[in-house]
Each structure stands twice: as structure tokens, then as C-alpha cells.
């Protein structure tokens, strides 16, 4: 149940970031938002693993890290989703090329 709530929170944050933030067209054309999103995801997952390993007896610090990682994963998801929507709209995806 908690996992579902966190997942829905990440999706909601990603949706709000896509709606609220202005993405630069030059970076969308180059595809750099994909890189930003994947790097944010890797760093967040690494931090969660490290915090789970070393902060087993600190529930307050783990809670803070989980809340922060939820927001960062939402931001990463919004970067990847916006790049995917831009590529789909401008027919830059591999299955759309002729």
C-alpha cells in the first residue's frame, strides 16, 4: 500500500513538473533531458541503497530521504516523459523513422 502511494506521488509530481516547468527547445532537440532524467534516477537509487545500508536504525532520516527521493524521482520522470512526448510529436523515435 505504501509503495502504491509513493508511486502515485511520483507520477503526480512528474505530471505537475511537466505542466509547470518550461523546458528548453534546444535541449529537447538534442535529447539532453533523457540524460538528465536517467542520471537523476541512478543517483537517487544509489542514495536510497546507501541510506538503507547505513541508516537502518535511524527511521527519521530514512523518512526524510524517502520523501526527498520521491520528489527527485518525479523530477527525473518528468524530464524523461517530456523528452519522450517531444520525440513522439516530432517523429524522432526509432519506430517512427522511415
N, C-alpha and C. Protein backbone atom coordinates (compact mmCIF):
# COMPACT_ATOMS: atom_id res chain seq x y z
N UNK A 1 0.82 -1.19 0.00
CA UNK A 1 0.00 0.00 0.00
C UNK A 1 0.87 1.26 0.00
N UNK A 2 1.93 1.21 0.80
CA UNK A 2 2.82 2.37 0.85
C UNK A 2 3.52 2.55 -0.49
N UNK A 3 3.91 1.44 -1.11
CA UNK A 3 4.56 1.51 -2.42
C UNK A 3 3.67 2.12 -3.48
N UNK A 4 2.39 1.77 -3.44
CA UNK A 4 1.43 2.33 -4.39
C UNK A 4 1.28 3.83 -4.17
N UNK A 5 1.22 4.25 -2.93
CA UNK A 5 1.10 5.68 -2.61
C UNK A 5 2.34 6.45 -3.07
N UNK A 6 3.51 5.89 -2.85
CA UNK A 6 4.74 6.55 -3.29
C UNK A 6 4.79 6.61 -4.81
N UNK A 7 4.40 5.53 -5.48
CA UNK A 7 4.37 5.52 -6.94
C UNK A 7 3.42 6.55 -7.51
N UNK A 8 2.23 6.65 -6.92
CA UNK A 8 1.27 7.66 -7.37
C UNK A 8 1.77 9.07 -7.10
N UNK A 9 2.49 9.24 -6.00
CA UNK A 9 3.07 10.55 -5.69
C UNK A 9 4.12 10.93 -6.73
N UNK A 10 4.94 9.97 -7.13
CA UNK A 10 5.96 10.23 -8.16
C UNK A 10 5.30 10.61 -9.47
N UNK A 11 4.25 9.90 -9.85
CA UNK A 11 3.54 10.20 -11.10
C UNK A 11 2.89 11.58 -11.02
N UNK A 12 2.30 11.93 -9.89
CA UNK A 12 1.68 13.24 -9.73
C UNK A 12 2.73 14.35 -9.80
N UNK A 13 3.86 14.15 -9.15
CA UNK A 13 4.93 15.16 -9.19
C UNK A 13 5.45 15.31 -10.61
N UNK A 14 5.62 14.21 -11.33
CA UNK A 14 6.08 14.28 -12.72
C UNK A 14 5.08 15.03 -13.58
N UNK A 15 3.80 14.75 -13.40
CA UNK A 15 2.75 15.44 -14.17
C UNK A 15 2.78 16.93 -13.89
N UNK A 16 2.89 17.31 -12.61
CA UNK A 16 2.92 18.73 -12.26
C UNK A 16 4.17 19.42 -12.79
N UNK A 17 5.30 18.72 -12.77
CA UNK A 17 6.54 19.31 -13.31
C UNK A 17 6.43 19.54 -14.81
N UNK A 18 5.81 18.60 -15.52
CA UNK A 18 5.64 18.77 -16.97
C UNK A 18 4.75 19.97 -17.25
N UNK A 19 3.71 20.13 -16.47
CA UNK A 19 2.78 21.25 -16.68
C UNK A 19 3.36 22.60 -16.26
N UNK A 20 4.18 22.63 -15.20
CA UNK A 20 4.61 23.89 -14.62
C UNK A 20 5.93 24.40 -15.19
N UNK A 21 6.88 23.52 -15.46
CA UNK A 21 8.21 23.95 -15.88
C UNK A 21 8.26 24.17 -17.39
N UNK A 22 9.06 25.15 -17.78
CA UNK A 22 9.29 25.42 -19.19
C UNK A 22 10.57 24.70 -19.59
N UNK A 23 10.45 23.77 -20.51
CA UNK A 23 11.61 23.01 -20.99
C UNK A 23 12.18 23.72 -22.20
N UNK A 24 13.50 23.79 -22.28
CA UNK A 24 14.16 24.49 -23.38
C UNK A 24 14.12 23.65 -24.65
N UNK A 25 13.71 24.28 -25.73
CA UNK A 25 13.55 23.58 -27.01
C UNK A 25 14.89 23.05 -27.52
N UNK A 26 15.97 23.82 -27.31
CA UNK A 26 17.29 23.38 -27.80
C UNK A 26 17.70 22.08 -27.13
N UNK A 27 17.45 21.98 -25.82
CA UNK A 27 17.82 20.76 -25.10
C UNK A 27 16.90 19.60 -25.48
N UNK A 28 15.64 19.90 -25.79
CA UNK A 28 14.74 18.84 -26.24
C UNK A 28 15.17 18.31 -27.60
N UNK A 29 15.63 19.21 -28.48
CA UNK A 29 16.09 18.77 -29.80
C UNK A 29 17.33 17.89 -29.71
N UNK A 30 18.21 18.21 -28.76
CA UNK A 30 19.43 17.42 -28.59
C UNK A 30 19.20 16.15 -27.79
N UNK A 31 18.10 16.07 -27.07
CA UNK A 31 17.81 14.88 -26.27
C UNK A 31 18.53 14.84 -24.94
N UNK A 32 18.87 16.00 -24.40
CA UNK A 32 19.63 16.02 -23.15
C UNK A 32 18.76 15.76 -21.93
N UNK A 33 17.46 15.95 -22.03
CA UNK A 33 16.60 15.70 -20.87
C UNK A 33 16.53 14.21 -20.53
N UNK A 34 16.70 13.35 -21.53
CA UNK A 34 16.80 11.92 -21.25
C UNK A 34 17.99 11.64 -20.34
N UNK A 35 19.12 12.24 -20.67
CA UNK A 35 20.33 12.04 -19.87
C UNK A 35 20.13 12.57 -18.45
N UNK A 36 19.54 13.76 -18.35
CA UNK A 36 19.29 14.33 -17.02
C UNK A 36 18.41 13.40 -16.19
N UNK A 37 17.35 12.91 -16.79
CA UNK A 37 16.42 12.04 -16.07
C UNK A 37 17.07 10.74 -15.61
N UNK A 38 17.82 10.10 -16.51
CA UNK A 38 18.46 8.84 -16.13
C UNK A 38 19.54 9.04 -15.08
N UNK A 39 20.29 10.14 -15.18
CA UNK A 39 21.31 10.42 -14.17
C UNK A 39 20.66 10.67 -12.82
N UNK A 40 19.57 11.44 -12.80
CA UNK A 40 18.85 11.68 -11.54
C UNK A 40 18.33 10.37 -10.94
N UNK A 41 17.83 9.49 -11.80
CA UNK A 41 17.33 8.20 -11.29
C UNK A 41 18.45 7.35 -10.70
N UNK A 42 19.58 7.29 -11.38
CA UNK A 42 20.70 6.48 -10.89
C UNK A 42 21.22 7.03 -9.57
N UNK A 43 21.37 8.35 -9.48
CA UNK A 43 21.85 8.96 -8.24
C UNK A 43 20.86 8.72 -7.11
N UNK A 44 19.57 8.85 -7.38
CA UNK A 44 18.56 8.65 -6.35
C UNK A 44 18.54 7.21 -5.86
N UNK A 45 18.59 6.26 -6.78
CA UNK A 45 18.60 4.85 -6.38
C UNK A 45 19.85 4.52 -5.59
N UNK A 46 20.99 5.09 -6.00
CA UNK A 46 22.23 4.86 -5.25
C UNK A 46 22.13 5.42 -3.84
N UNK A 47 21.59 6.62 -3.71
CA UNK A 47 21.43 7.23 -2.39
C UNK A 47 20.47 6.43 -1.51
N UNK A 48 19.41 5.91 -2.10
CA UNK A 48 18.48 5.09 -1.33
C UNK A 48 19.14 3.80 -0.86
N UNK A 49 19.95 3.20 -1.71
CA UNK A 49 20.65 1.97 -1.32
C UNK A 49 21.64 2.25 -0.19
N UNK A 50 22.40 3.32 -0.33
CA UNK A 50 23.38 3.67 0.70
C UNK A 50 22.69 4.01 2.01
N UNK A 51 21.59 4.76 1.94
CA UNK A 51 20.89 5.12 3.18
C UNK A 51 20.25 3.90 3.82
N UNK A 52 19.77 2.97 3.03
CA UNK A 52 19.20 1.75 3.59
C UNK A 52 20.28 0.90 4.25
N UNK A 53 21.47 0.93 3.70
CA UNK A 53 22.57 0.14 4.26
C UNK A 53 23.09 0.73 5.56
N UNK A 54 23.26 2.05 5.61
CA UNK A 54 23.92 2.68 6.75
C UNK A 54 22.98 3.32 7.76
N UNK A 55 21.74 3.52 7.43
CA UNK A 55 20.82 4.20 8.35
C UNK A 55 19.69 3.27 8.80
N UNK A 56 20.00 2.04 9.06
CA UNK A 56 18.96 1.08 9.46
C UNK A 56 18.29 1.46 10.78
N UNK A 57 19.01 2.07 11.68
CA UNK A 57 18.46 2.39 13.00
C UNK A 57 18.00 3.84 13.11
N UNK A 58 17.94 4.56 12.02
CA UNK A 58 17.54 5.96 12.03
C UNK A 58 16.27 6.15 11.18
N UNK A 59 15.10 5.88 11.73
CA UNK A 59 13.87 5.95 10.92
C UNK A 59 13.52 7.37 10.46
N UNK A 60 13.85 8.39 11.25
CA UNK A 60 13.52 9.76 10.85
C UNK A 60 14.36 10.16 9.63
N UNK A 61 15.64 9.84 9.64
CA UNK A 61 16.48 10.17 8.50
C UNK A 61 16.08 9.37 7.27
N UNK A 62 15.68 8.12 7.45
CA UNK A 62 15.20 7.33 6.31
C UNK A 62 13.93 7.93 5.73
N UNK A 63 13.04 8.40 6.58
CA UNK A 63 11.79 9.02 6.11
C UNK A 63 12.09 10.28 5.31
N UNK A 64 13.01 11.09 5.79
CA UNK A 64 13.38 12.31 5.06
C UNK A 64 13.97 11.96 3.70
N UNK A 65 14.83 10.96 3.65
CA UNK A 65 15.45 10.56 2.39
C UNK A 65 14.41 9.99 1.43
N UNK A 66 13.44 9.25 1.93
CA UNK A 66 12.39 8.70 1.06
C UNK A 66 11.52 9.81 0.49
N UNK A 67 11.20 10.81 1.30
CA UNK A 67 10.39 11.93 0.81
C UNK A 67 11.16 12.72 -0.25
N UNK A 68 12.43 13.00 0.02
CA UNK A 68 13.24 13.72 -0.97
C UNK A 68 13.41 12.91 -2.25
N UNK A 69 13.61 11.62 -2.12
CA UNK A 69 13.79 10.80 -3.32
C UNK A 69 12.50 10.71 -4.13
N UNK A 70 11.36 10.80 -3.48
CA UNK A 70 10.08 10.82 -4.20
C UNK A 70 10.01 12.04 -5.10
N UNK A 71 10.41 13.20 -4.57
CA UNK A 71 10.40 14.41 -5.38
C UNK A 71 11.43 14.35 -6.51
N UNK A 72 12.61 13.84 -6.22
CA UNK A 72 13.65 13.77 -7.25
C UNK A 72 13.25 12.77 -8.34
N UNK A 73 12.66 11.65 -7.97
CA UNK A 73 12.21 10.68 -8.98
C UNK A 73 11.08 11.27 -9.82
N UNK A 74 10.22 12.09 -9.23
CA UNK A 74 9.19 12.77 -10.00
C UNK A 74 9.79 13.73 -11.01
N UNK A 75 10.83 14.45 -10.59
CA UNK A 75 11.52 15.36 -11.50
C UNK A 75 12.21 14.59 -12.62
N UNK A 76 12.85 13.49 -12.28
CA UNK A 76 13.50 12.66 -13.30
C UNK A 76 12.48 12.09 -14.27
N UNK A 77 11.36 11.63 -13.74
CA UNK A 77 10.30 11.10 -14.60
C UNK A 77 9.73 12.16 -15.53
N UNK A 78 9.62 13.39 -15.03
CA UNK A 78 9.11 14.46 -15.88
C UNK A 78 10.08 14.79 -17.00
N UNK A 79 11.37 14.77 -16.72
CA UNK A 79 12.37 15.02 -17.78
C UNK A 79 12.27 13.96 -18.87
N UNK A 80 12.20 12.71 -18.46
CA UNK A 80 12.14 11.62 -19.44
C UNK A 80 10.81 11.65 -20.20
N UNK A 81 9.72 11.90 -19.50
CA UNK A 81 8.41 11.93 -20.16
C UNK A 81 8.30 13.10 -21.14
N UNK A 82 8.81 14.26 -20.76
CA UNK A 82 8.75 15.41 -21.66
C UNK A 82 9.59 15.16 -22.91
N UNK A 83 10.76 14.55 -22.74
CA UNK A 83 11.60 14.22 -23.90
C UNK A 83 10.89 13.20 -24.79
N UNK A 84 10.24 12.22 -24.19
CA UNK A 84 9.51 11.21 -24.96
C UNK A 84 8.35 11.83 -25.72
N UNK A 85 7.61 12.74 -25.08
CA UNK A 85 6.50 13.40 -25.76
C UNK A 85 7.00 14.27 -26.91
N UNK A 86 8.10 14.97 -26.70
CA UNK A 86 8.67 15.80 -27.76
C UNK A 86 9.13 14.94 -28.93
N UNK A 87 9.83 13.86 -28.64
CA UNK A 87 10.30 12.97 -29.70
C UNK A 87 9.14 12.33 -30.45
N UNK A 88 8.09 11.96 -29.75
CA UNK A 88 6.92 11.35 -30.41
C UNK A 88 6.23 12.38 -31.30
N UNK A 89 6.10 13.59 -30.81
CA UNK A 89 5.41 14.63 -31.57
C UNK A 89 6.19 15.00 -32.83
N UNK A 90 7.51 15.00 -32.76
CA UNK A 90 8.34 15.38 -33.90
C UNK A 90 8.89 14.17 -34.66
N UNK A 91 8.34 13.00 -34.39
CA UNK A 91 8.66 11.76 -35.10
C UNK A 91 10.16 11.45 -35.08
N UNK A 92 10.74 11.52 -33.89
CA UNK A 92 12.16 11.22 -33.73
C UNK A 92 12.41 9.87 -33.07
N UNK A 93 11.36 9.14 -32.76
CA UNK A 93 11.52 7.83 -32.15
C UNK A 93 11.93 6.81 -33.22
N UNK A 94 12.67 5.78 -32.86
CA UNK A 94 13.17 4.83 -33.86
C UNK A 94 12.07 4.16 -34.68
N UNK A 95 10.93 3.84 -34.08
CA UNK A 95 9.89 3.16 -34.84
C UNK A 95 9.09 4.11 -35.71
N UNK A 96 9.31 5.43 -35.59
CA UNK A 96 8.60 6.39 -36.42
C UNK A 96 9.41 6.82 -37.64
N UNK A 97 10.67 6.52 -37.65
CA UNK A 97 11.53 6.94 -38.76
C UNK A 97 11.26 6.08 -39.99
N UNK A 98 11.43 6.69 -41.14
CA UNK A 98 11.20 5.96 -42.39
C UNK A 98 12.50 5.56 -43.03
